[in-house]
Protein backbone atom coordinates (compact mmCIF):
# COMPACT_ATOMS: atom_id res chain seq x y z
CA UNK A 1 17.00 10.40 30.31
CA UNK A 2 13.53 9.19 30.61
CA UNK A 3 12.54 5.83 31.83
CA UNK A 4 11.49 3.53 29.34
CA UNK A 5 7.69 1.82 29.84
CA UNK A 6 8.02 -1.64 30.33
CA UNK A 7 5.28 -3.96 28.77
CA UNK A 8 4.24 -7.26 29.28
CA UNK A 9 2.43 -9.58 27.00
CA UNK A 10 1.33 -12.75 28.33
CA UNK A 11 -0.09 -15.47 25.93
CA UNK A 12 2.30 -14.00 23.08
CA UNK A 13 2.29 -15.32 19.48
CA UNK A 14 2.43 -14.20 16.18
CA UNK A 15 -1.07 -12.95 15.92
CA UNK A 16 -2.59 -9.82 17.84
CA UNK A 17 0.28 -10.16 20.47
CA UNK A 18 2.97 -9.95 17.79
CA UNK A 19 1.39 -6.88 16.23
CA UNK A 20 1.46 -5.34 19.68
CA UNK A 21 4.74 -6.44 20.46
CA UNK A 22 6.02 -4.69 18.10
CA UNK A 23 4.04 -1.25 18.15
CA UNK A 24 5.26 -1.26 21.57
CA UNK A 25 8.84 -1.69 20.58
CA UNK A 26 8.47 1.04 18.33
CA UNK A 27 7.31 3.64 20.72
CA UNK A 28 10.38 2.98 22.65
CA UNK A 29 9.17 0.49 25.43
CA UNK A 30 11.00 -2.19 27.13
CA UNK A 31 8.93 -5.22 25.90
CA UNK A 32 8.42 -8.72 27.75
CA UNK A 33 6.82 -12.03 26.40
CA UNK A 34 5.14 -14.37 28.09
CA UNK A 35 4.20 -17.94 26.89
CA UNK A 36 3.71 -21.65 27.78
CA UNK A 37 6.27 -22.35 24.67
CA UNK A 38 8.59 -19.20 24.58
CA UNK A 39 11.07 -20.83 22.09
CA UNK A 40 8.41 -19.97 19.69
CA UNK A 41 8.97 -16.30 20.18
CA UNK A 42 12.60 -16.05 18.78
CA UNK A 43 11.92 -14.54 15.96
CA UNK A 44 9.56 -11.82 17.36
CA UNK A 45 12.20 -11.25 20.39
CA UNK A 46 14.89 -10.53 17.81
CA UNK A 47 12.56 -8.22 15.82
CA UNK A 48 11.38 -6.22 18.64
CA UNK A 49 14.34 -6.92 21.70
CA UNK A 50 11.79 -8.54 23.82
CA UNK A 51 12.46 -11.33 26.31
CA UNK A 52 10.70 -14.39 26.25
CA UNK A 53 9.57 -16.07 29.65
CA UNK A 54 8.13 -19.47 30.44
CA UNK A 55 4.75 -19.33 31.71
CA UNK A 56 1.67 -21.54 32.59
CA UNK A 57 -1.20 -19.22 33.57
CA UNK A 58 -3.09 -21.52 35.51
CA UNK A 59 -0.04 -22.10 37.92
CA UNK A 60 0.51 -19.31 40.48
CA UNK A 61 4.00 -20.22 41.14
CA UNK A 62 4.51 -20.00 37.40
CA UNK A 63 3.07 -16.34 36.98
CA UNK A 64 5.00 -15.34 39.79
CA UNK A 65 8.19 -16.37 38.39
CA UNK A 66 7.32 -14.74 35.06
CA UNK A 67 6.66 -11.53 36.50
CA UNK A 68 9.73 -11.51 39.25
CA UNK A 69 11.85 -12.06 36.31
CA UNK A 70 10.70 -9.33 34.16
CA UNK A 71 10.49 -7.12 37.26
CA UNK A 72 14.66 -7.97 38.16
CA UNK A 73 15.45 -7.35 34.39
CA UNK A 74 13.33 -4.24 33.30
CA UNK A 75 11.40 -2.96 36.65
CA UNK A 76 7.57 -3.25 37.14
CA UNK A 77 5.45 -3.47 34.57
CA UNK A 78 3.93 0.02 33.21
CA UNK A 79 1.51 -2.31 31.24
CA UNK A 80 0.31 -6.08 30.91
CA UNK A 81 -1.92 -7.52 28.66
CA UNK A 82 -3.68 -10.80 29.11
CA UNK A 83 -4.31 -12.55 25.70
CA UNK A 84 -4.39 -16.56 26.47
CA UNK A 85 -7.81 -18.40 25.64
CA UNK A 86 -8.76 -21.93 25.26
CA UNK A 87 -12.02 -23.78 24.24
CA UNK A 88 -13.49 -27.20 24.05
CA UNK A 89 -15.86 -27.51 21.07
CA UNK A 90 -18.88 -29.85 20.88
CA UNK A 91 -22.54 -30.28 21.86
CA UNK A 92 -23.13 -29.63 25.78
CA UNK A 93 -23.87 -33.33 26.31
CA UNK A 94 -20.91 -34.74 24.50
CA UNK A 95 -18.20 -32.83 26.13
CA UNK A 96 -15.04 -33.89 27.98
CA UNK A 97 -15.58 -32.44 31.59
CA UNK A 98 -11.50 -32.12 32.20
CA UNK A 99 -10.98 -30.41 28.67
CA UNK A 100 -14.07 -28.28 29.52
CA UNK A 101 -12.37 -27.43 32.99
CA UNK A 102 -9.06 -26.48 31.58
CA UNK A 103 -10.40 -24.20 28.63
CA UNK A 104 -12.34 -21.99 31.50
CA UNK A 105 -8.97 -22.06 33.78
CA UNK A 106 -6.89 -20.86 30.85
CA UNK A 107 -9.45 -18.41 29.62
CA UNK A 108 -10.78 -16.96 33.20
CA UNK A 109 -8.89 -18.06 36.20
CA UNK A 110 -5.49 -17.36 34.15
CA UNK A 111 -6.76 -13.87 33.92
CA UNK A 112 -7.45 -13.33 37.60
CA UNK A 113 -3.60 -14.99 38.32
CA UNK A 114 -2.14 -12.72 35.92
CA UNK A 115 -4.38 -9.92 36.62
CA UNK A 116 -4.02 -10.01 40.58
CA UNK A 117 -0.02 -10.21 40.25
CA UNK A 118 0.17 -7.16 38.02
CA UNK A 119 -2.34 -5.15 40.63
CA UNK A 120 -0.33 -6.21 43.17
CA UNK A 121 3.25 -4.66 41.98
CA UNK A 122 1.19 -1.60 40.15
CA UNK A 123 -0.84 -0.90 43.20
CA UNK A 124 2.94 -0.40 45.22
CA UNK A 125 4.04 1.93 42.52
CA UNK A 126 0.87 3.44 42.32
CA UNK A 127 0.12 3.05 38.52
CA UNK A 128 -0.23 0.92 35.72
CA UNK A 129 -2.59 -0.29 32.86
CA UNK A 130 -3.98 -3.99 32.72
CA UNK A 131 -5.60 -5.13 29.64
CA UNK A 132 -8.05 -8.34 28.85
CA UNK A 133 -8.28 -9.74 25.62
CA UNK A 134 -12.26 -10.55 24.88
CA UNK A 135 -13.99 -12.13 22.07
CA UNK A 136 -17.66 -12.30 20.60
CA UNK A 137 -17.95 -15.11 23.17
CA UNK A 138 -17.66 -12.33 26.09
CA UNK A 139 -21.13 -10.92 25.36
CA UNK A 140 -22.90 -13.83 23.41
CA UNK A 141 -22.73 -17.61 23.57
CA UNK A 142 -22.70 -19.87 20.36
CA UNK A 143 -23.86 -23.27 19.75
CA UNK A 144 -21.00 -25.94 20.68
CA UNK A 145 -18.89 -23.29 22.26
CA UNK A 146 -20.19 -23.43 25.69
CA UNK A 147 -16.65 -23.43 27.09
CA UNK A 148 -15.57 -20.37 25.44
CA UNK A 149 -18.57 -18.34 26.53
CA UNK A 150 -18.06 -19.37 29.98
CA UNK A 151 -14.36 -18.22 30.01
CA UNK A 152 -14.88 -14.95 28.10
CA UNK A 153 -18.02 -14.03 30.26
CA UNK A 154 -15.73 -14.84 33.20
CA UNK A 155 -12.89 -12.87 31.98
CA UNK A 156 -15.05 -9.86 31.11
CA UNK A 157 -16.91 -9.93 35.01
CA UNK A 158 -13.22 -9.71 36.28
CA UNK A 159 -12.38 -6.81 34.28
CA UNK A 160 -15.26 -4.85 35.13
CA UNK A 161 -15.02 -5.82 38.76
CA UNK A 162 -11.58 -4.73 38.60
CA UNK A 163 -12.28 -1.68 37.10
CA UNK A 164 -14.59 -0.61 39.49
CA UNK A 165 -12.16 -1.53 42.33
CA UNK A 166 -9.01 -0.16 40.87
CA UNK A 167 -9.50 2.79 38.72
CA UNK A 168 -9.78 4.97 41.90
CA UNK A 169 -6.52 3.91 42.72
CA UNK A 170 -4.92 4.96 39.29
CA UNK A 171 -4.65 1.49 37.84
CA UNK A 172 -6.31 1.31 34.33
CA UNK A 173 -8.17 -1.87 33.44
CA UNK A 174 -9.50 -2.32 30.08
CA UNK A 175 -11.23 -5.25 28.37
CA UNK A 176 -11.75 -5.93 24.33
CA UNK A 177 -14.23 -7.48 23.13
CA UNK A 178 -12.88 -8.72 19.39
CA UNK A 179 -16.20 -9.43 17.46
CA UNK A 180 -14.42 -10.72 14.66
CA UNK A 181 -11.74 -12.75 13.08
CA UNK A 182 -8.11 -11.90 13.17
CA UNK A 183 -6.39 -11.86 9.66
CA UNK A 184 -3.38 -13.80 10.11
CA UNK A 185 -0.23 -12.00 8.50
CA UNK A 186 0.91 -15.12 7.01
CA UNK A 187 -2.20 -15.07 4.66
CA UNK A 188 -5.97 -16.26 5.49
CA UNK A 189 -8.21 -17.68 3.14
CA UNK A 190 -10.96 -16.20 5.18
CA UNK A 191 -10.35 -12.76 4.98
CA UNK A 192 -9.99 -13.39 1.17
CA UNK A 193 -13.30 -14.82 1.03
CA UNK A 194 -14.84 -12.08 2.86
CA UNK A 195 -13.67 -9.40 1.06
CA UNK A 196 -11.93 -5.88 1.72
CA UNK A 197 -11.77 -5.42 5.36
CA UNK A 198 -14.03 -8.39 6.35
CA UNK A 199 -11.65 -9.27 8.89
CA UNK A 200 -9.87 -7.36 11.56
CA UNK A 201 -5.98 -6.18 11.09
CA UNK A 202 -3.84 -7.14 13.98
CA UNK A 203 -2.06 -3.77 13.50
CA UNK A 204 -5.16 -2.07 13.84
CA UNK A 205 -6.30 -3.66 16.87
CA UNK A 206 -2.92 -3.08 18.21
CA UNK A 207 -3.23 0.54 17.88
CA UNK A 208 -6.74 0.79 19.87
CA UNK A 209 -4.89 -1.05 22.69
CA UNK A 210 -1.94 1.54 22.56
CA UNK A 211 -4.66 4.56 22.33
CA UNK A 212 -6.71 2.81 25.34
CA UNK A 213 -3.12 2.69 27.57
CA UNK A 214 -2.81 6.34 26.93
CA UNK A 215 -6.15 7.38 27.74
CA UNK A 216 -6.18 10.36 29.95
CA UNK A 217 -7.58 9.51 33.56
CA UNK A 218 -10.13 12.20 33.74
CA UNK A 219 -11.87 10.12 30.74
CA UNK A 220 -10.99 6.32 31.24
CA UNK A 221 -12.62 3.48 29.30
CA UNK A 222 -13.06 0.22 31.15
CA UNK A 223 -13.90 -1.59 27.68
CA UNK A 224 -13.54 -1.09 23.94
CA UNK A 225 -15.89 -3.43 21.30
CA UNK A 226 -14.31 -3.48 17.79
CA UNK A 227 -15.47 -5.29 14.49
CA UNK A 228 -14.95 -4.81 11.01
CA UNK A 229 -17.13 -2.15 9.51
CA UNK A 230 -18.98 -4.60 7.30
CA UNK A 231 -19.90 -7.22 10.04
CA UNK A 232 -23.48 -6.93 11.00
CA UNK A 233 -24.33 -6.53 14.61
């Protein structure tokens, strides 16, 4: 009997991570979800058979505890996805310093903490995939969004460095530039205003994540950029 792949999605919710959790479950994977508030994941867990775990991504002890629980219940993850991000909006001259620091910690430092723990476990086994969710802000800064740009630029740099270090050790690293808005399954007025395919379908993004995970290691990518076909570069 084949051993199930284990997928851990950190920063899980109803959007992209929910789509990816459902896709992984449909592929026969054993799914685990991590979130600051796991109570919000009750319906998604019921739908996918996933287990939910509390996790504060900027707290190393909390991240270790989440991984320890997943390993004990399911085994070392074959696939780890890092989704969390935060931002402090406003002019650079008016931003609250603590809010700014918190945004960068969640978006970038948390990616390091989760990525480090995942890499330690995967290197012990000798294989695995770690994916990081980026945004338009990963490659271009916008006005009044400096904290998000700083966090996403940092996350992208982390992913690029990890890829160059870990690809030769059979650990596949991926960074996704999600360049556009993602449609909300519950309905989204922005999507209606932008017309057909004006925003990204989370199920379609999830399919790209899975394809990335399935790449043959003779032709691994480290980054994929996705955007609606109607959006200007």
